[in-house]
N, C-alpha and C. Protein backbone atom coordinates (compact mmCIF):
# COMPACT_ATOMS: atom_id res chain seq x y z
N MET A 1 1.00 -1.20 0.45
CA MET A 1 -0.09 0.48 -0.07
C MET A 1 0.81 0.67 -0.40
N SER A 2 1.17 2.10 -0.87
CA SER A 2 1.50 3.13 -0.78
C SER A 2 1.12 4.56 -0.30
N VAL A 3 0.22 5.12 0.72
CA VAL A 3 -0.12 6.25 1.50
C VAL A 3 0.93 8.16 1.34
N ALA A 4 -0.53 8.57 0.76
CA ALA A 4 0.30 10.26 0.25
C ALA A 4 0.27 10.43 1.72
N ILE A 5 0.10 11.93 2.35
CA ILE A 5 0.13 12.42 3.67
C ILE A 5 0.52 13.51 3.73
N TRP A 6 -0.25 14.73 3.64
CA TRP A 6 -0.61 15.98 3.37
C TRP A 6 -0.18 16.92 4.41
N GLY A 7 0.76 17.30 4.89
CA GLY A 7 0.71 18.05 5.67
C GLY A 7 1.45 16.84 7.12
N LEU A 8 3.13 17.58 7.92
CA LEU A 8 2.72 16.69 8.92
C LEU A 8 3.18 17.53 10.20
N THR A 9 3.08 19.03 10.18
CA THR A 9 3.88 19.63 11.30
C THR A 9 1.94 19.20 12.34
N TYR A 10 2.40 19.89 13.47
CA TYR A 10 0.70 19.61 14.58
C TYR A 10 0.22 20.86 13.68
N LYS A 11 0.07 21.93 13.26
CA LYS A 11 -0.61 22.76 12.76
C LYS A 11 -0.11 23.56 11.55
N PRO A 12 -0.93 23.62 11.09
CA PRO A 12 -0.84 24.90 9.64
C PRO A 12 -0.15 26.07 10.27
N GLU A 13 0.87 27.05 9.15
CA GLU A 13 1.87 28.40 10.17
C GLU A 13 3.25 27.58 10.53
N THR A 14 2.32 27.18 10.83
CA THR A 14 4.77 26.08 11.52
C THR A 14 5.63 25.18 11.34
N SER A 15 6.65 25.15 11.82
CA SER A 15 7.27 23.76 11.08
C SER A 15 8.03 22.93 12.37
N THR A 16 7.00 23.81 13.38
CA THR A 16 7.45 22.16 13.97
C THR A 16 6.72 20.68 13.44
N LEU A 17 6.92 19.87 14.41
CA LEU A 17 6.54 18.46 14.36
C LEU A 17 6.82 17.87 15.36
N ARG A 18 6.68 18.78 16.02
CA ARG A 18 6.65 18.00 18.18
C ARG A 18 5.22 17.70 18.62
N ARG A 19 4.40 16.64 19.00
CA ARG A 19 3.60 16.54 19.08
C ARG A 19 2.40 16.29 17.90
N SER A 20 3.20 16.27 16.53
CA SER A 20 2.36 15.76 15.18
C SER A 20 1.37 14.26 15.57
N LEU A 21 0.32 14.88 15.21
CA LEU A 21 -0.14 12.92 14.99
C LEU A 21 0.32 12.44 13.72
N ALA A 22 0.37 13.78 12.60
CA ALA A 22 0.48 12.79 11.35
C ALA A 22 2.00 12.19 10.79
N VAL A 23 2.98 12.74 11.91
CA VAL A 23 4.95 11.88 12.45
C VAL A 23 4.35 10.79 12.44
N GLU A 24 3.13 10.37 13.92
CA GLU A 24 2.48 9.51 15.01
C GLU A 24 2.18 8.32 13.72
N LEU A 25 1.83 8.91 13.12
CA LEU A 25 0.53 8.10 11.36
C LEU A 25 1.79 7.78 10.89
N CYS A 26 2.78 8.73 10.43
CA CYS A 26 4.00 8.06 9.46
C CYS A 26 4.79 6.75 10.71
N ASP A 27 4.94 6.86 11.22
CA ASP A 27 5.72 6.01 12.32
C ASP A 27 5.06 4.82 12.62
N TRP A 28 2.89 4.29 12.38
CA TRP A 28 2.47 3.26 12.43
C TRP A 28 2.69 3.45 10.85
N LEU A 29 2.32 3.54 9.99
CA LEU A 29 3.07 3.16 8.48
C LEU A 29 4.06 2.28 8.23
N ILE A 30 5.03 3.01 8.71
CA ILE A 30 6.52 2.54 8.20
C ILE A 30 6.83 0.69 9.23
N GLU A 31 6.58 1.28 10.39
CA GLU A 31 5.96 -0.40 11.05
C GLU A 31 5.27 -1.07 9.94
N GLU A 32 4.06 -0.92 9.29
CA GLU A 32 3.22 -1.60 8.88
C GLU A 32 3.79 -2.01 7.19
N ARG A 33 5.71 -1.75 6.87
CA ARG A 33 5.94 -1.53 5.45
C ARG A 33 4.74 -1.03 4.73
N ALA A 34 3.66 0.16 4.96
CA ALA A 34 3.49 0.99 3.95
C ALA A 34 4.62 1.94 3.29
N ASN A 35 4.39 2.73 2.21
CA ASN A 35 5.14 3.38 0.91
C ASN A 35 4.19 4.41 1.46
N VAL A 36 5.26 5.44 2.58
CA VAL A 36 4.74 6.58 2.12
C VAL A 36 5.41 8.02 1.51
N ARG A 37 5.07 8.93 1.12
CA ARG A 37 4.91 9.52 0.32
C ARG A 37 4.16 10.95 1.21
N VAL A 38 5.65 11.74 1.41
CA VAL A 38 4.25 12.91 2.88
C VAL A 38 4.69 14.25 1.51
N TYR A 39 4.06 15.36 2.00
CA TYR A 39 3.89 16.76 1.27
C TYR A 39 3.74 17.60 2.63
N ASP A 40 4.78 18.76 3.32
CA ASP A 40 4.76 19.83 3.68
C ASP A 40 5.16 21.58 3.28
N PRO A 41 4.81 22.03 3.46
CA PRO A 41 5.12 22.95 2.78
C PRO A 41 6.19 23.95 3.72
N ALA A 42 6.40 23.22 4.89
CA ALA A 42 6.69 23.74 5.61
C ALA A 42 8.13 23.35 6.58
N VAL A 43 7.95 22.18 5.63
CA VAL A 43 8.60 20.36 6.35
C VAL A 43 9.92 20.46 4.93
N GLN A 44 11.36 21.10 5.38
CA GLN A 44 12.24 20.65 4.56
C GLN A 44 12.94 19.26 4.48
N GLU A 45 12.88 18.89 6.66
CA GLU A 45 13.75 17.83 6.44
C GLU A 45 13.44 17.19 7.19
N LEU A 46 12.74 15.21 7.14
CA LEU A 46 12.76 15.13 8.18
C LEU A 46 12.71 14.03 8.89
N PRO A 47 12.30 13.22 10.39
CA PRO A 47 12.62 12.80 10.98
C PRO A 47 13.40 11.69 11.42
N SER A 48 14.83 11.79 11.75
CA SER A 48 16.03 10.77 11.26
C SER A 48 15.31 9.54 12.15
N HIS A 49 14.98 9.29 12.65
CA HIS A 49 14.02 7.70 13.13
C HIS A 49 14.12 7.73 11.84
N TRP A 50 13.60 8.22 10.90
CA TRP A 50 12.71 7.03 9.61
C TRP A 50 13.59 6.23 8.60
N ASN A 51 14.77 7.18 9.26
CA ASN A 51 16.11 6.04 8.49
C ASN A 51 15.76 6.09 6.79
N ASN A 52 15.09 7.49 5.58
CA ASN A 52 15.61 7.13 4.51
C ASN A 52 13.20 6.00 4.39
N GLN A 53 13.34 6.59 5.15
CA GLN A 53 11.34 4.85 4.63
C GLN A 53 10.88 6.01 4.22
N VAL A 54 11.15 7.28 4.67
CA VAL A 54 9.43 7.84 4.34
C VAL A 54 9.73 8.82 2.75
N ASP A 55 9.31 8.77 2.09
CA ASP A 55 9.74 10.10 0.71
C ASP A 55 9.19 11.50 0.50
N ARG A 56 9.77 12.53 0.28
CA ARG A 56 9.56 14.10 1.01
C ARG A 56 9.08 14.19 -0.25
N PHE A 57 8.37 15.28 -0.93
CA PHE A 57 7.81 15.60 -1.74
C PHE A 57 8.25 17.67 -2.47
N ASP A 58 8.08 18.08 -2.79
CA ASP A 58 8.74 19.44 -3.12
C ASP A 58 6.73 19.35 -3.41
N SER A 59 6.32 18.91 -3.65
CA SER A 59 5.28 19.30 -4.45
C SER A 59 3.56 18.03 -3.85
N ALA A 60 2.09 18.74 -3.13
CA ALA A 60 1.39 17.88 -3.17
C ALA A 60 0.76 16.98 -3.59
N LEU A 61 0.43 17.09 -5.50
CA LEU A 61 0.46 16.66 -5.74
C LEU A 61 1.49 16.02 -6.53
N GLU A 62 2.62 15.74 -6.50
CA GLU A 62 3.69 15.11 -6.88
C GLU A 62 3.82 14.12 -5.99
N ALA A 63 3.48 13.77 -4.44
CA ALA A 63 3.59 12.86 -3.58
C ALA A 63 2.33 12.35 -3.24
N LEU A 64 1.04 12.30 -4.35
CA LEU A 64 0.12 11.87 -5.01
C LEU A 64 0.07 10.08 -5.70
N LYS A 65 1.30 10.28 -6.46
CA LYS A 65 2.11 10.05 -7.28
C LYS A 65 1.97 8.53 -6.76
N ASN A 66 1.01 7.73 -7.65
CA ASN A 66 1.20 6.14 -7.41
C ASN A 66 0.93 5.58 -6.28
N THR A 67 0.26 6.49 -5.36
CA THR A 67 -0.76 5.90 -3.90
C THR A 67 -2.03 5.92 -4.28
N GLN A 68 -2.91 5.45 -3.69
CA GLN A 68 -4.31 4.48 -2.89
C GLN A 68 -4.71 5.25 -2.08
N VAL A 69 -4.10 6.54 -1.53
CA VAL A 69 -4.47 7.03 -0.13
C VAL A 69 -3.98 8.12 0.17
N LEU A 70 -4.85 9.23 0.51
CA LEU A 70 -4.05 11.11 1.21
C LEU A 70 -5.03 10.63 2.58
N VAL A 71 -3.92 11.05 3.44
CA VAL A 71 -4.14 11.68 4.16
C VAL A 71 -4.38 12.83 4.72
N LEU A 72 -5.16 13.66 4.99
CA LEU A 72 -4.73 14.65 5.11
C LEU A 72 -4.08 14.99 7.21
N GLY A 73 -2.76 15.06 7.36
CA GLY A 73 -2.25 15.59 7.83
C GLY A 73 -2.26 16.76 9.17
N THR A 74 -2.14 18.00 7.85
CA THR A 74 -2.61 19.14 8.11
C THR A 74 -3.45 20.09 7.74
N GLU A 75 -3.65 21.20 7.93
CA GLU A 75 -5.16 21.37 7.42
C GLU A 75 -3.92 23.06 6.40
N TRP A 76 -3.85 23.00 6.25
CA TRP A 76 -2.70 24.68 5.20
C TRP A 76 -3.98 24.26 3.78
N ALA A 77 -3.70 26.00 4.33
CA ALA A 77 -4.37 26.68 3.18
C ALA A 77 -4.43 26.27 1.94
N GLU A 78 -2.22 25.66 1.91
CA GLU A 78 -2.74 24.80 -0.04
C GLU A 78 -3.24 24.17 -0.64
N PHE A 79 -3.76 23.10 0.12
CA PHE A 79 -4.38 22.20 0.29
C PHE A 79 -5.89 21.95 -0.87
N LYS A 80 -6.88 23.09 0.58
CA LYS A 80 -7.73 23.68 -1.04
C LYS A 80 -8.03 23.68 -2.60
N GLU A 81 -7.19 24.46 -2.62
CA GLU A 81 -6.75 24.75 -4.00
C GLU A 81 -6.03 23.00 -5.21
N THR A 82 -5.45 22.51 -4.73
CA THR A 82 -4.02 21.59 -4.78
C THR A 82 -5.37 20.23 -5.44
N ALA A 83 -6.05 20.25 -3.89
CA ALA A 83 -7.65 18.40 -4.05
C ALA A 83 -8.18 19.41 -5.32
N LYS A 84 -8.69 20.42 -5.90
CA LYS A 84 -9.26 20.38 -7.01
C LYS A 84 -8.52 19.94 -8.07
N LYS A 85 -7.00 19.72 -7.87
CA LYS A 85 -5.83 19.18 -9.24
C LYS A 85 -5.71 17.31 -9.59
N MET A 86 -6.95 17.00 -7.92
CA MET A 86 -5.66 15.96 -8.29
C MET A 86 -6.20 15.15 -8.78
N LEU A 87 -7.85 15.31 -9.81
CA LEU A 87 -8.04 14.51 -11.21
C LEU A 87 -6.51 13.76 -11.62
N GLU A 88 -5.91 15.05 -11.41
CA GLU A 88 -4.76 15.50 -13.05
C GLU A 88 -3.36 14.46 -12.58
N VAL A 89 -3.65 13.44 -11.32
CA VAL A 89 -2.93 12.33 -10.52
C VAL A 89 -3.39 10.97 -10.14
N VAL A 90 -4.08 11.21 -9.35
CA VAL A 90 -5.55 9.69 -9.63
C VAL A 90 -6.59 10.25 -9.90
N ASN A 91 -7.26 8.88 -10.23
CA ASN A 91 -8.66 7.87 -10.35
C ASN A 91 -9.97 8.03 -9.55
N ASN A 92 -10.54 7.75 -9.59
CA ASN A 92 -11.86 8.28 -9.32
C ASN A 92 -11.94 7.08 -7.75
N ASP A 93 -11.18 5.88 -8.18
CA ASP A 93 -10.54 5.19 -7.15
C ASP A 93 -10.23 5.24 -5.70
N TYR A 94 -9.01 6.17 -5.62
CA TYR A 94 -8.77 6.86 -4.63
C TYR A 94 -9.49 7.30 -3.85
N LEU A 95 -9.07 7.24 -2.54
CA LEU A 95 -9.41 7.00 -0.63
C LEU A 95 -9.04 8.82 -0.41
N VAL A 96 -9.74 9.13 -0.18
CA VAL A 96 -8.77 10.68 0.67
C VAL A 96 -9.23 10.41 2.48
N ILE A 97 -8.74 10.11 3.18
CA ILE A 97 -9.01 9.96 4.89
C ILE A 97 -8.92 11.69 5.73
N ASP A 98 -9.29 12.69 6.15
CA ASP A 98 -9.62 13.40 6.64
C ASP A 98 -10.93 13.79 7.38
N ALA A 99 -10.59 13.82 8.70
CA ALA A 99 -11.26 13.61 9.91
C ALA A 99 -11.89 14.81 9.75
N ASN A 100 -11.63 15.92 9.70
CA ASN A 100 -11.81 17.40 10.15
C ASN A 100 -12.51 18.73 8.93
N ARG A 101 -12.78 17.34 7.87
CA ARG A 101 -13.69 17.75 6.98
C ARG A 101 -13.18 19.10 5.79
N TYR A 102 -11.87 18.85 6.63
CA TYR A 102 -11.44 20.24 5.61
C TYR A 102 -11.50 20.66 4.04
N LEU A 103 -11.61 19.21 3.58
CA LEU A 103 -10.84 18.97 1.33
C LEU A 103 -12.65 18.29 1.07
N GLN A 104 -13.63 18.51 2.24
CA GLN A 104 -15.03 18.26 1.58
C GLN A 104 -15.49 19.02 0.46
N ASN A 105 -15.81 20.19 0.31
CA ASN A 105 -16.17 20.77 0.24
C ASN A 105 -15.42 20.85 -2.25
N GLU A 106 -14.32 20.35 -1.59
CA GLU A 106 -13.36 20.07 -2.93
C GLU A 106 -13.03 18.39 -2.81
N ILE A 107 -13.33 18.09 -2.93
CA ILE A 107 -13.19 16.32 -3.43
C ILE A 107 -14.20 15.90 -3.04
N PHE A 108 -15.75 16.65 -2.75
CA PHE A 108 -16.79 15.74 -3.47
C PHE A 108 -17.43 16.30 -5.19
N PRO A 109 -17.04 16.58 -5.20
CA PRO A 109 -17.55 17.19 -6.91
C PRO A 109 -16.69 16.20 -8.13
N LEU A 110 -15.35 15.96 -7.78
CA LEU A 110 -14.39 14.84 -8.62
C LEU A 110 -15.53 13.60 -7.97
N GLY A 111 -15.36 12.93 -7.53
CA GLY A 111 -15.90 11.90 -7.20
C GLY A 111 -14.73 10.64 -6.84
N ILE A 112 -14.17 12.02 -5.54
CA ILE A 112 -13.13 10.99 -5.40
C ILE A 112 -14.08 10.62 -3.78
N ASN A 113 -13.75 8.28 -3.71
CA ASN A 113 -13.51 8.19 -2.43
C ASN A 113 -13.92 9.32 -1.56
N TYR A 114 -14.28 9.52 -0.42
CA TYR A 114 -13.55 10.73 1.05
C TYR A 114 -14.73 9.67 1.87
N ILE A 115 -13.41 10.77 2.68
CA ILE A 115 -13.91 9.88 4.09
C ILE A 115 -14.06 10.77 5.12
N ALA A 116 -14.44 11.01 6.36
CA ALA A 116 -14.05 11.71 7.24
C ALA A 116 -15.28 11.89 8.60
N VAL A 117 -14.60 11.73 9.47
CA VAL A 117 -15.04 12.13 11.28
C VAL A 117 -16.42 12.19 11.67
N GLY A 118 -17.49 10.78 11.36
CA GLY A 118 -18.58 10.77 11.74
C GLY A 118 -19.40 11.28 9.68
N MET A 119 -19.11 10.70 9.15
CA MET A 119 -19.65 10.89 7.97
C MET A 119 -19.17 8.92 6.86
N PRO A 120 -19.99 8.63 6.45
CA PRO A 120 -19.92 7.63 6.25
C PRO A 120 -19.09 7.47 4.73
N ALA A 121 -18.62 7.08 3.92
CA ALA A 121 -17.40 6.77 2.55
C ALA A 121 -18.05 7.51 1.90
N THR A 122 -17.92 8.35 0.81
CA THR A 122 -19.43 9.00 -0.02
C THR A 122 -18.98 9.43 -1.15
N HIS A 123 -19.10 9.77 -2.55
CA HIS A 123 -18.74 10.49 -3.50
C HIS A 123 -19.92 11.91 -3.53
N GLU A 124 -21.17 11.92 -2.43
CA GLU A 124 -22.15 12.55 -2.98
C GLU A 124 -22.13 13.32 -1.37
N ALA A 125 -22.28 14.94 -2.19
CA ALA A 125 -22.06 16.65 -1.69
C ALA A 125 -23.43 16.03 -0.40
N GLU A 126 -23.33 16.16 1.01
CA GLU A 126 -24.85 16.54 2.07
C GLU A 126 -25.88 16.92 1.33
């Protein structure tokens, strides 16, 4: 399984990875032997304990290539516009996991599978 993570910092507009749930998720994905591809506009260096097991990209769309799932880790504003372009890189069988529904309005029109806390996986807008 190949997973893209958009956003590693614990909140937008910072570069710190301390207390980041996205970093903890990456740790778990590494243990599960997933291929992990990440993009965060503020992160230039990945945690050293990942030992080159995670690939960092300079663009959110580039991080999506050859993955089956996107997990939104941090709600950076740029992800709203980038999400509208996802079909340039992925198909409708793709899955987006977005705990806080941050990209809901951008993803629904694309027909991509979308999961958020408190709602079923769906293609349909509410």
